Amino acid sequence: MEKLQPTHEALFEQIMREYGTRVLRLVTFLVKDRSLAEDLTQDVFVKVYRNLPRFRHESSIHTWLYRIAVNECKGYLRSWSFRHILPRSWIKSDADVSTEHLVLEQAERDQLIQAVLRLSPFYRQAIALHYYADLSISEMAVVLGVSEGTVRTRLHRARQQLKQRMGEEEGWEWTRTNG
């Protein structure tokens, strides 16, 4: 008995359900603007829909999706509009968050996120893909279109910059593990 293959539309809907939120989070993290990230994520899934019949399964579907998302973000960050027009909204700074609603651990996570967002795009991508999207070094290399050595170097340098920046924050302890 032959298995029925899902239709193009059904497969696309499944991909949207399974990866839509993850792609949106990754894009938001990379471009630092929620409304812009929603637009870019929509563009990502338009490309996915158009190119799904040509997907050759040489990589996993999530690696392919993340590569499209990263490329969309790179294209936007290189665009004239990004360099010459200020974004409409910014991610809230720690001062915008009511301290009475935050616990110490949340404040530390917010500090770390702010430090990551201040990294250059190459390093921010490496941190986001490795720690947030939980990709391996080899998967990151495919997504970013660089060698595994380049990925390792970017991760190392990003960690060093974060260590330096977080070390400057009063009370930050690097020996602490968050479980």
N, C-alpha and C. Protein backbone atom coordinates (compact mmCIF):
# COMPACT_ATOMS: atom_id res chain seq x y z
N MET A 1 0.82 -1.19 0.00
CA MET A 1 0.00 0.00 0.00
C MET A 1 0.87 1.25 0.00
N GLU A 2 0.59 2.19 -0.87
CA GLU A 2 1.36 3.42 -0.96
C GLU A 2 0.85 4.45 0.03
N LYS A 3 1.78 5.20 0.61
CA LYS A 3 1.40 6.31 1.50
C LYS A 3 1.02 7.50 0.65
N LEU A 4 -0.02 8.17 1.04
CA LEU A 4 -0.41 9.40 0.35
C LEU A 4 0.49 10.53 0.81
N GLN A 5 0.98 11.29 -0.13
CA GLN A 5 1.81 12.44 0.18
C GLN A 5 0.90 13.64 0.47
N PRO A 6 1.25 14.43 1.48
CA PRO A 6 0.42 15.61 1.75
C PRO A 6 0.52 16.60 0.59
N THR A 7 -0.53 17.36 0.41
CA THR A 7 -0.52 18.37 -0.64
C THR A 7 0.47 19.47 -0.26
N HIS A 8 0.82 20.25 -1.24
CA HIS A 8 1.73 21.38 -1.04
C HIS A 8 1.17 22.32 0.04
N GLU A 9 -0.11 22.61 -0.04
CA GLU A 9 -0.75 23.51 0.92
C GLU A 9 -0.78 22.91 2.33
N ALA A 10 -1.07 21.60 2.41
CA ALA A 10 -1.12 20.95 3.72
C ALA A 10 0.26 20.92 4.37
N LEU A 11 1.28 20.64 3.57
CA LEU A 11 2.65 20.64 4.09
C LEU A 11 3.05 22.03 4.56
N PHE A 12 2.70 23.04 3.78
CA PHE A 12 3.01 24.41 4.15
C PHE A 12 2.31 24.79 5.46
N GLU A 13 1.04 24.43 5.61
CA GLU A 13 0.32 24.72 6.86
C GLU A 13 0.98 24.05 8.05
N GLN A 14 1.43 22.81 7.85
CA GLN A 14 2.11 22.10 8.93
C GLN A 14 3.40 22.82 9.32
N ILE A 15 4.15 23.27 8.33
CA ILE A 15 5.40 24.00 8.59
C ILE A 15 5.09 25.29 9.34
N MET A 16 4.06 26.00 8.91
CA MET A 16 3.69 27.26 9.58
C MET A 16 3.32 27.01 11.04
N ARG A 17 2.51 25.98 11.28
CA ARG A 17 2.10 25.67 12.66
C ARG A 17 3.29 25.29 13.53
N GLU A 18 4.17 24.47 12.97
CA GLU A 18 5.29 23.95 13.76
C GLU A 18 6.40 24.97 13.98
N TYR A 19 6.67 25.82 12.97
CA TYR A 19 7.84 26.70 13.04
C TYR A 19 7.53 28.19 13.05
N GLY A 20 6.29 28.57 12.86
CA GLY A 20 5.94 29.99 12.74
C GLY A 20 6.40 30.83 13.91
N THR A 21 6.10 30.39 15.12
CA THR A 21 6.48 31.15 16.31
C THR A 21 7.99 31.19 16.50
N ARG A 22 8.65 30.07 16.24
CA ARG A 22 10.10 30.02 16.40
C ARG A 22 10.80 30.96 15.42
N VAL A 23 10.32 30.97 14.18
CA VAL A 23 10.93 31.85 13.18
C VAL A 23 10.69 33.31 13.56
N LEU A 24 9.47 33.63 14.01
CA LEU A 24 9.17 35.00 14.43
C LEU A 24 10.07 35.43 15.58
N ARG A 25 10.27 34.56 16.55
CA ARG A 25 11.15 34.90 17.68
C ARG A 25 12.58 35.14 17.22
N LEU A 26 13.07 34.27 16.34
CA LEU A 26 14.43 34.43 15.84
C LEU A 26 14.58 35.75 15.09
N VAL A 27 13.64 36.04 14.21
CA VAL A 27 13.71 37.27 13.42
C VAL A 27 13.60 38.50 14.33
N THR A 28 12.71 38.45 15.32
CA THR A 28 12.58 39.56 16.28
C THR A 28 13.91 39.79 17.00
N PHE A 29 14.54 38.72 17.39
CA PHE A 29 15.82 38.80 18.08
C PHE A 29 16.89 39.42 17.19
N LEU A 30 16.85 39.11 15.91
CA LEU A 30 17.89 39.60 15.00
C LEU A 30 17.68 41.05 14.58
N VAL A 31 16.43 41.48 14.37
CA VAL A 31 16.20 42.84 13.88
C VAL A 31 15.79 43.81 14.98
N LYS A 32 15.47 43.30 16.16
CA LYS A 32 15.17 44.12 17.34
C LYS A 32 13.92 45.00 17.19
N ASP A 33 12.97 44.58 16.38
CA ASP A 33 11.74 45.36 16.19
C ASP A 33 10.61 44.38 15.90
N ARG A 34 9.63 44.31 16.80
CA ARG A 34 8.57 43.30 16.70
C ARG A 34 7.73 43.46 15.43
N SER A 35 7.27 44.66 15.12
CA SER A 35 6.42 44.83 13.95
C SER A 35 7.20 44.56 12.66
N LEU A 36 8.44 44.97 12.60
CA LEU A 36 9.28 44.68 11.45
C LEU A 36 9.51 43.17 11.35
N ALA A 37 9.72 42.52 12.48
CA ALA A 37 9.94 41.07 12.49
C ALA A 37 8.71 40.34 11.95
N GLU A 38 7.53 40.82 12.27
CA GLU A 38 6.32 40.20 11.75
C GLU A 38 6.28 40.30 10.23
N ASP A 39 6.64 41.47 9.69
CA ASP A 39 6.68 41.64 8.23
C ASP A 39 7.73 40.74 7.60
N LEU A 40 8.91 40.70 8.18
CA LEU A 40 9.98 39.86 7.64
C LEU A 40 9.62 38.37 7.72
N THR A 41 8.97 37.98 8.82
CA THR A 41 8.56 36.59 8.97
C THR A 41 7.54 36.22 7.90
N GLN A 42 6.66 37.14 7.60
CA GLN A 42 5.70 36.92 6.53
C GLN A 42 6.43 36.72 5.20
N ASP A 43 7.45 37.54 4.95
CA ASP A 43 8.26 37.39 3.74
C ASP A 43 8.97 36.04 3.70
N VAL A 44 9.45 35.60 4.87
CA VAL A 44 10.12 34.30 4.96
C VAL A 44 9.15 33.20 4.52
N PHE A 45 7.94 33.23 5.04
CA PHE A 45 7.00 32.16 4.72
C PHE A 45 6.44 32.27 3.30
N VAL A 46 6.44 33.45 2.72
CA VAL A 46 6.10 33.57 1.30
C VAL A 46 7.17 32.85 0.47
N LYS A 47 8.44 33.07 0.83
CA LYS A 47 9.53 32.38 0.13
C LYS A 47 9.46 30.87 0.34
N VAL A 48 9.14 30.47 1.56
CA VAL A 48 9.01 29.04 1.84
C VAL A 48 7.91 28.45 0.96
N TYR A 49 6.77 29.10 0.89
CA TYR A 49 5.65 28.61 0.09
C TYR A 49 6.05 28.49 -1.38
N ARG A 50 6.71 29.51 -1.90
CA ARG A 50 7.11 29.50 -3.31
C ARG A 50 8.16 28.45 -3.62
N ASN A 51 9.04 28.20 -2.66
CA ASN A 51 10.17 27.30 -2.91
C ASN A 51 10.01 25.90 -2.34
N LEU A 52 8.90 25.63 -1.66
CA LEU A 52 8.69 24.33 -1.05
C LEU A 52 8.77 23.18 -2.07
N PRO A 53 8.22 23.32 -3.26
CA PRO A 53 8.34 22.21 -4.23
C PRO A 53 9.78 21.94 -4.65
N ARG A 54 10.65 22.93 -4.52
CA ARG A 54 12.06 22.76 -4.90
C ARG A 54 12.96 22.37 -3.73
N PHE A 55 12.38 22.22 -2.53
CA PHE A 55 13.18 21.82 -1.37
C PHE A 55 13.67 20.40 -1.60
N ARG A 56 14.99 20.21 -1.57
CA ARG A 56 15.60 18.93 -1.94
C ARG A 56 15.88 18.01 -0.75
N HIS A 57 15.57 18.43 0.44
CA HIS A 57 15.79 17.63 1.66
C HIS A 57 17.26 17.29 1.88
N GLU A 58 18.16 18.19 1.40
CA GLU A 58 19.58 18.00 1.66
C GLU A 58 19.93 18.45 3.08
N SER A 59 19.06 19.22 3.68
CA SER A 59 19.20 19.62 5.07
C SER A 59 17.83 19.43 5.72
N SER A 60 17.76 19.60 7.02
CA SER A 60 16.47 19.48 7.69
C SER A 60 15.61 20.70 7.37
N ILE A 61 14.32 20.55 7.53
CA ILE A 61 13.40 21.65 7.20
C ILE A 61 13.67 22.86 8.08
N HIS A 62 13.98 22.64 9.38
CA HIS A 62 14.21 23.80 10.25
C HIS A 62 15.51 24.53 9.87
N THR A 63 16.52 23.81 9.43
CA THR A 63 17.76 24.45 8.98
C THR A 63 17.48 25.31 7.75
N TRP A 64 16.70 24.77 6.83
CA TRP A 64 16.32 25.49 5.61
C TRP A 64 15.53 26.75 5.96
N LEU A 65 14.56 26.62 6.87
CA LEU A 65 13.75 27.77 7.29
C LEU A 65 14.61 28.85 7.94
N TYR A 66 15.49 28.44 8.85
CA TYR A 66 16.33 29.41 9.55
C TYR A 66 17.29 30.11 8.58
N ARG A 67 17.74 29.37 7.58
CA ARG A 67 18.62 30.00 6.59
C ARG A 67 17.87 31.08 5.82
N ILE A 68 16.65 30.79 5.43
CA ILE A 68 15.83 31.79 4.74
C ILE A 68 15.60 32.99 5.66
N ALA A 69 15.28 32.72 6.93
CA ALA A 69 15.02 33.81 7.89
C ALA A 69 16.26 34.68 8.09
N VAL A 70 17.40 34.05 8.29
CA VAL A 70 18.64 34.81 8.49
C VAL A 70 18.96 35.63 7.25
N ASN A 71 18.79 35.05 6.07
CA ASN A 71 19.05 35.78 4.83
C ASN A 71 18.11 36.97 4.66
N GLU A 72 16.85 36.82 5.03
CA GLU A 72 15.91 37.94 4.98
C GLU A 72 16.36 39.05 5.92
N CYS A 73 16.79 38.68 7.11
CA CYS A 73 17.26 39.68 8.08
C CYS A 73 18.53 40.37 7.57
N LYS A 74 19.45 39.58 7.01
CA LYS A 74 20.67 40.17 6.46
C LYS A 74 20.33 41.17 5.37
N GLY A 75 19.43 40.78 4.49
CA GLY A 75 19.03 41.67 3.40
C GLY A 75 18.42 42.95 3.92
N TYR A 76 17.60 42.84 4.94
CA TYR A 76 17.00 44.04 5.52
C TYR A 76 18.07 44.91 6.18
N LEU A 77 18.95 44.29 6.95
CA LEU A 77 19.97 45.06 7.66
C LEU A 77 20.96 45.74 6.71
N ARG A 78 21.09 45.22 5.48
CA ARG A 78 21.94 45.85 4.48
C ARG A 78 21.20 46.91 3.67
N SER A 79 19.88 46.94 3.80
CA SER A 79 19.07 47.81 2.95
C SER A 79 19.24 49.29 3.30
N TRP A 80 18.92 50.13 2.35
CA TRP A 80 19.00 51.57 2.53
C TRP A 80 18.04 52.02 3.63
N SER A 81 16.83 51.46 3.65
CA SER A 81 15.82 51.93 4.61
C SER A 81 16.26 51.68 6.05
N PHE A 82 16.92 50.56 6.30
CA PHE A 82 17.37 50.28 7.66
C PHE A 82 18.44 51.28 8.09
N ARG A 83 19.34 51.60 7.18
CA ARG A 83 20.45 52.48 7.53
C ARG A 83 20.06 53.94 7.61
N HIS A 84 18.92 54.34 7.01
CA HIS A 84 18.57 55.75 6.93
C HIS A 84 17.26 56.13 7.60
N ILE A 85 16.50 55.18 8.06
CA ILE A 85 15.23 55.47 8.72
C ILE A 85 15.24 54.81 10.09
N LEU A 86 14.88 55.54 11.12
CA LEU A 86 14.85 54.98 12.46
C LEU A 86 13.67 54.03 12.60
N PRO A 87 13.86 52.90 13.29
CA PRO A 87 12.75 51.97 13.51
C PRO A 87 11.63 52.63 14.32
N ARG A 88 10.41 52.16 14.10
CA ARG A 88 9.25 52.74 14.80
C ARG A 88 9.24 52.39 16.29
N SER A 89 9.74 51.22 16.62
CA SER A 89 9.72 50.83 18.03
C SER A 89 11.03 50.16 18.40
N TRP A 90 11.33 50.19 19.66
CA TRP A 90 12.53 49.55 20.16
C TRP A 90 12.13 48.58 21.26
N ILE A 91 12.96 47.59 21.48
CA ILE A 91 12.70 46.68 22.58
C ILE A 91 12.85 47.46 23.87
N LYS A 92 11.97 47.20 24.81
CA LYS A 92 11.98 47.97 26.06
C LYS A 92 13.31 47.81 26.78
N SER A 93 13.76 48.90 27.32
CA SER A 93 14.97 48.83 28.14
C SER A 93 14.56 48.45 29.56
N ASP A 94 15.54 48.10 30.35
CA ASP A 94 15.24 47.71 31.74
C ASP A 94 14.50 48.82 32.47
N ALA A 95 14.74 50.10 32.12
CA ALA A 95 14.09 51.22 32.81
C ALA A 95 12.60 51.26 32.51
N ASP A 96 12.16 50.70 31.37
CA ASP A 96 10.75 50.71 31.01
C ASP A 96 9.95 49.63 31.73
N VAL A 97 10.63 48.69 32.34
CA VAL A 97 9.96 47.57 33.00
C VAL A 97 9.79 47.90 34.48
N SER A 98 8.58 47.69 34.96
CA SER A 98 8.31 47.95 36.36
C SER A 98 9.09 46.97 37.23
N THR A 99 9.93 47.50 38.11
CA THR A 99 10.77 46.64 38.95
C THR A 99 9.96 45.84 39.96
N GLU A 100 8.76 46.34 40.32
CA GLU A 100 7.95 45.61 41.29
C GLU A 100 7.41 44.31 40.72
N HIS A 101 7.42 44.14 39.40
CA HIS A 101 6.93 42.93 38.76
C HIS A 101 8.04 41.97 38.35
N LEU A 102 9.27 42.39 38.55
CA LEU A 102 10.39 41.54 38.14
C LEU A 102 11.03 40.87 39.33
N VAL A 103 11.42 39.65 39.12
CA VAL A 103 12.25 38.97 40.12
C VAL A 103 13.69 39.11 39.68
N LEU A 104 14.60 38.83 40.57
CA LEU A 104 16.02 39.01 40.28
C LEU A 104 16.46 38.22 39.05
N GLU A 105 16.02 36.99 38.92
CA GLU A 105 16.44 36.19 37.76
C GLU A 105 15.97 36.79 36.45
N GLN A 106 14.75 37.33 36.42
CA GLN A 106 14.24 37.95 35.21
C GLN A 106 15.06 39.19 34.86
N ALA A 107 15.44 39.94 35.86
CA ALA A 107 16.26 41.14 35.62
C ALA A 107 17.61 40.74 35.01
N GLU A 108 18.19 39.66 35.52
CA GLU A 108 19.46 39.19 34.98
C GLU A 108 19.30 38.73 33.54
N ARG A 109 18.21 38.03 33.24
CA ARG A 109 17.97 37.60 31.86
C ARG A 109 17.79 38.81 30.95
N ASP A 110 17.08 39.82 31.43
CA ASP A 110 16.89 41.03 30.65
C ASP A 110 18.23 41.71 30.36
N GLN A 111 19.11 41.74 31.37
CA GLN A 111 20.44 42.32 31.18
C GLN A 111 21.20 41.57 30.10
N LEU A 112 21.13 40.26 30.16
CA LEU A 112 21.83 39.44 29.20
C LEU A 112 21.26 39.66 27.80
N ILE A 113 19.96 39.71 27.68
CA ILE A 113 19.33 39.95 26.37
C ILE A 113 19.77 41.30 25.82
N GLN A 114 19.78 42.32 26.65
CA GLN A 114 20.21 43.64 26.20
C GLN A 114 21.67 43.61 25.73
N ALA A 115 22.50 42.88 26.45
CA ALA A 115 23.91 42.76 26.05
C ALA A 115 24.02 42.03 24.72
N VAL A 116 23.23 40.99 24.52
CA VAL A 116 23.25 40.26 23.25
C VAL A 116 22.77 41.17 22.12
N LEU A 117 21.74 41.97 22.37
CA LEU A 117 21.21 42.85 21.34
C LEU A 117 22.20 43.95 20.94
N ARG A 118 23.15 44.25 21.82
CA ARG A 118 24.17 45.25 21.50
C ARG A 118 25.33 44.67 20.69
N LEU A 119 25.36 43.34 20.54
CA LEU A 119 26.41 42.71 19.75
C LEU A 119 26.23 43.04 18.27
N SER A 120 27.29 42.92 17.50
CA SER A 120 27.18 43.10 16.05
C SER A 120 26.28 42.00 15.49
N PRO A 121 25.70 42.22 14.31
CA PRO A 121 24.78 41.22 13.74
C PRO A 121 25.40 39.82 13.61
N PHE A 122 26.68 39.71 13.21
CA PHE A 122 27.30 38.39 13.09
C PHE A 122 27.30 37.65 14.42
N TYR A 123 27.66 38.33 15.48
CA TYR A 123 27.74 37.69 16.79
C TYR A 123 26.34 37.44 17.36
N ARG A 124 25.43 38.37 17.14
CA ARG A 124 24.04 38.20 17.60
C ARG A 124 23.41 36.98 16.91
N GLN A 125 23.68 36.80 15.61
CA GLN A 125 23.17 35.64 14.88
C GLN A 125 23.71 34.35 15.49
N ALA A 126 25.00 34.33 15.77
CA ALA A 126 25.62 33.13 16.33
C ALA A 126 24.99 32.77 17.67
N ILE A 127 24.83 33.74 18.54
CA ILE A 127 24.23 33.48 19.86
C ILE A 127 22.78 33.03 19.70
N ALA A 128 22.02 33.72 18.85
CA ALA A 128 20.60 33.38 18.67
C ALA A 128 20.43 31.98 18.10
N LEU A 129 21.20 31.63 17.10
CA LEU A 129 21.05 30.32 16.49
C LEU A 129 21.53 29.20 17.41
N HIS A 130 22.59 29.44 18.16
CA HIS A 130 23.13 28.38 19.01
C HIS A 130 22.32 28.20 20.29
N TYR A 131 22.07 29.28 21.00
CA TYR A 131 21.42 29.16 22.30
C TYR A 131 19.90 29.28 22.24
N TYR A 132 19.39 30.06 21.31
CA TYR A 132 17.96 30.30 21.25
C TYR A 132 17.27 29.29 20.33
N ALA A 133 17.83 29.09 19.13
CA ALA A 133 17.23 28.14 18.19
C ALA A 133 17.78 26.73 18.41
N ASP A 134 18.79 26.59 19.26
CA ASP A 134 19.35 25.30 19.65
C ASP A 134 19.92 24.52 18.47
N LEU A 135 20.60 25.23 17.57
CA LEU A 135 21.23 24.57 16.43
C LEU A 135 22.65 24.15 16.78
N SER A 136 23.09 23.07 16.16
CA SER A 136 24.48 22.62 16.34
C SER A 136 25.40 23.51 15.50
N ILE A 137 26.70 23.36 15.71
CA ILE A 137 27.68 24.13 14.96
C ILE A 137 27.52 23.84 13.46
N SER A 138 27.37 22.58 13.11
CA SER A 138 27.25 22.23 11.69
C SER A 138 25.96 22.78 11.08
N GLU A 139 24.86 22.74 11.83
CA GLU A 139 23.61 23.32 11.33
C GLU A 139 23.73 24.83 11.17
N MET A 140 24.41 25.47 12.12
CA MET A 140 24.62 26.92 12.02
C MET A 140 25.44 27.25 10.79
N ALA A 141 26.45 26.45 10.49
CA ALA A 141 27.28 26.69 9.32
C ALA A 141 26.45 26.64 8.05
N VAL A 142 25.52 25.69 7.98
CA VAL A 142 24.64 25.60 6.81
C VAL A 142 23.72 26.81 6.74
N VAL A 143 23.11 27.18 7.87
CA VAL A 143 22.18 28.31 7.90
C VAL A 143 22.88 29.60 7.50
N LEU A 144 24.08 29.83 8.02
CA LEU A 144 24.79 31.07 7.77
C LEU A 144 25.62 31.05 6.48
N GLY A 145 25.80 29.86 5.92
CA GLY A 145 26.59 29.76 4.69
C GLY A 145 28.07 30.02 4.90
N VAL A 146 28.57 29.61 6.06
CA VAL A 146 29.99 29.78 6.39
C VAL A 146 30.55 28.45 6.88
N SER A 147 31.85 28.38 7.10
CA SER A 147 32.46 27.14 7.59
C SER A 147 32.18 26.96 9.09
N GLU A 148 32.34 25.73 9.54
CA GLU A 148 32.16 25.45 10.96
C GLU A 148 33.18 26.21 11.80
N GLY A 149 34.39 26.37 11.28
CA GLY A 149 35.42 27.13 11.99
C GLY A 149 35.01 28.58 12.19
N THR A 150 34.38 29.16 11.17
CA THR A 150 33.90 30.54 11.28
C THR A 150 32.81 30.63 12.33
N VAL A 151 31.93 29.63 12.37
CA VAL A 151 30.87 29.62 13.39
C VAL A 151 31.49 29.55 14.78
N ARG A 152 32.44 28.68 14.96
CA ARG A 152 33.10 28.55 16.27
C ARG A 152 33.77 29.86 16.68
N THR A 153 34.44 30.50 15.72
CA THR A 153 35.11 31.78 16.00
C THR A 153 34.10 32.84 16.40
N ARG A 154 33.00 32.94 15.65
CA ARG A 154 31.98 33.93 15.98
C ARG A 154 31.37 33.66 17.35
N LEU A 155 31.10 32.40 17.66
CA LEU A 155 30.55 32.07 18.98
C LEU A 155 31.54 32.43 20.08
N HIS A 156 32.81 32.10 19.87
CA HIS A 156 33.82 32.41 20.88
C HIS A 156 33.93 33.91 21.12
N ARG A 157 34.00 34.67 20.04
CA ARG A 157 34.11 36.13 20.17
C ARG A 157 32.86 36.74 20.78
N ALA A 158 31.70 36.21 20.41
CA ALA A 158 30.45 36.72 20.99
C ALA A 158 30.43 36.46 22.50
N ARG A 159 30.83 35.26 22.90
CA ARG A 159 30.87 34.92 24.33
C ARG A 159 31.85 35.83 25.07
N GLN A 160 33.01 36.08 24.46
CA GLN A 160 34.01 36.96 25.08
C GLN A 160 33.45 38.37 25.27
N GLN A 161 32.77 38.89 24.24
CA GLN A 161 32.19 40.23 24.35
C GLN A 161 31.10 40.26 25.42
N LEU A 162 30.29 39.21 25.46
CA LEU A 162 29.24 39.15 26.49
C LEU A 162 29.85 39.07 27.88
N LYS A 163 30.88 38.26 28.00
CA LYS A 163 31.54 38.13 29.30
C LYS A 163 32.09 39.49 29.75
N GLN A 164 32.70 40.21 28.83
CA GLN A 164 33.24 41.53 29.15
C GLN A 164 32.12 42.50 29.52
N ARG A 165 31.07 42.52 28.73
CA ARG A 165 29.96 43.45 28.99
C ARG A 165 29.22 43.11 30.26
N MET A 166 28.96 41.84 30.49
CA MET A 166 28.22 41.46 31.68
C MET A 166 29.10 41.57 32.92
N GLY A 167 30.40 41.41 32.75
CA GLY A 167 31.32 41.59 33.86
C GLY A 167 31.34 43.02 34.36
N GLU A 168 31.01 43.96 33.46
CA GLU A 168 30.96 45.37 33.83
C GLU A 168 29.71 45.70 34.64
N GLU A 169 28.67 44.86 34.50
CA GLU A 169 27.43 45.09 35.24
C GLU A 169 27.66 44.70 36.70
N GLU A 170 27.25 45.55 37.58
CA GLU A 170 27.46 45.31 39.00
C GLU A 170 26.66 44.10 39.46
N GLY A 171 27.33 43.19 40.16
CA GLY A 171 26.65 42.05 40.74
C GLY A 171 26.50 40.85 39.82
N TRP A 172 26.99 40.92 38.59
CA TRP A 172 26.85 39.79 37.68
C TRP A 172 27.90 38.75 38.01
N GLU A 173 27.49 37.50 38.12
CA GLU A 173 28.41 36.42 38.45
C GLU A 173 28.44 35.42 37.31
N TRP A 174 29.63 35.17 36.76
CA TRP A 174 29.74 34.22 35.67
C TRP A 174 29.84 32.79 36.14
N THR A 175 30.11 32.55 37.38
CA THR A 175 30.22 31.19 37.86
C THR A 175 28.85 30.58 38.14
N ARG A 176 27.84 31.38 38.15
CA ARG A 176 26.49 30.92 38.45
C ARG A 176 25.90 30.16 37.27
N THR A 177 25.21 29.07 37.53
CA THR A 177 24.53 28.34 36.47
C THR A 177 23.03 28.47 36.68
N ASN A 178 22.34 28.75 35.61
CA ASN A 178 20.88 28.85 35.67
C ASN A 178 20.29 27.54 35.21
N GLY A 179 19.53 26.88 36.04
CA GLY A 179 19.01 25.56 35.72
C GLY A 179 17.61 25.54 35.28
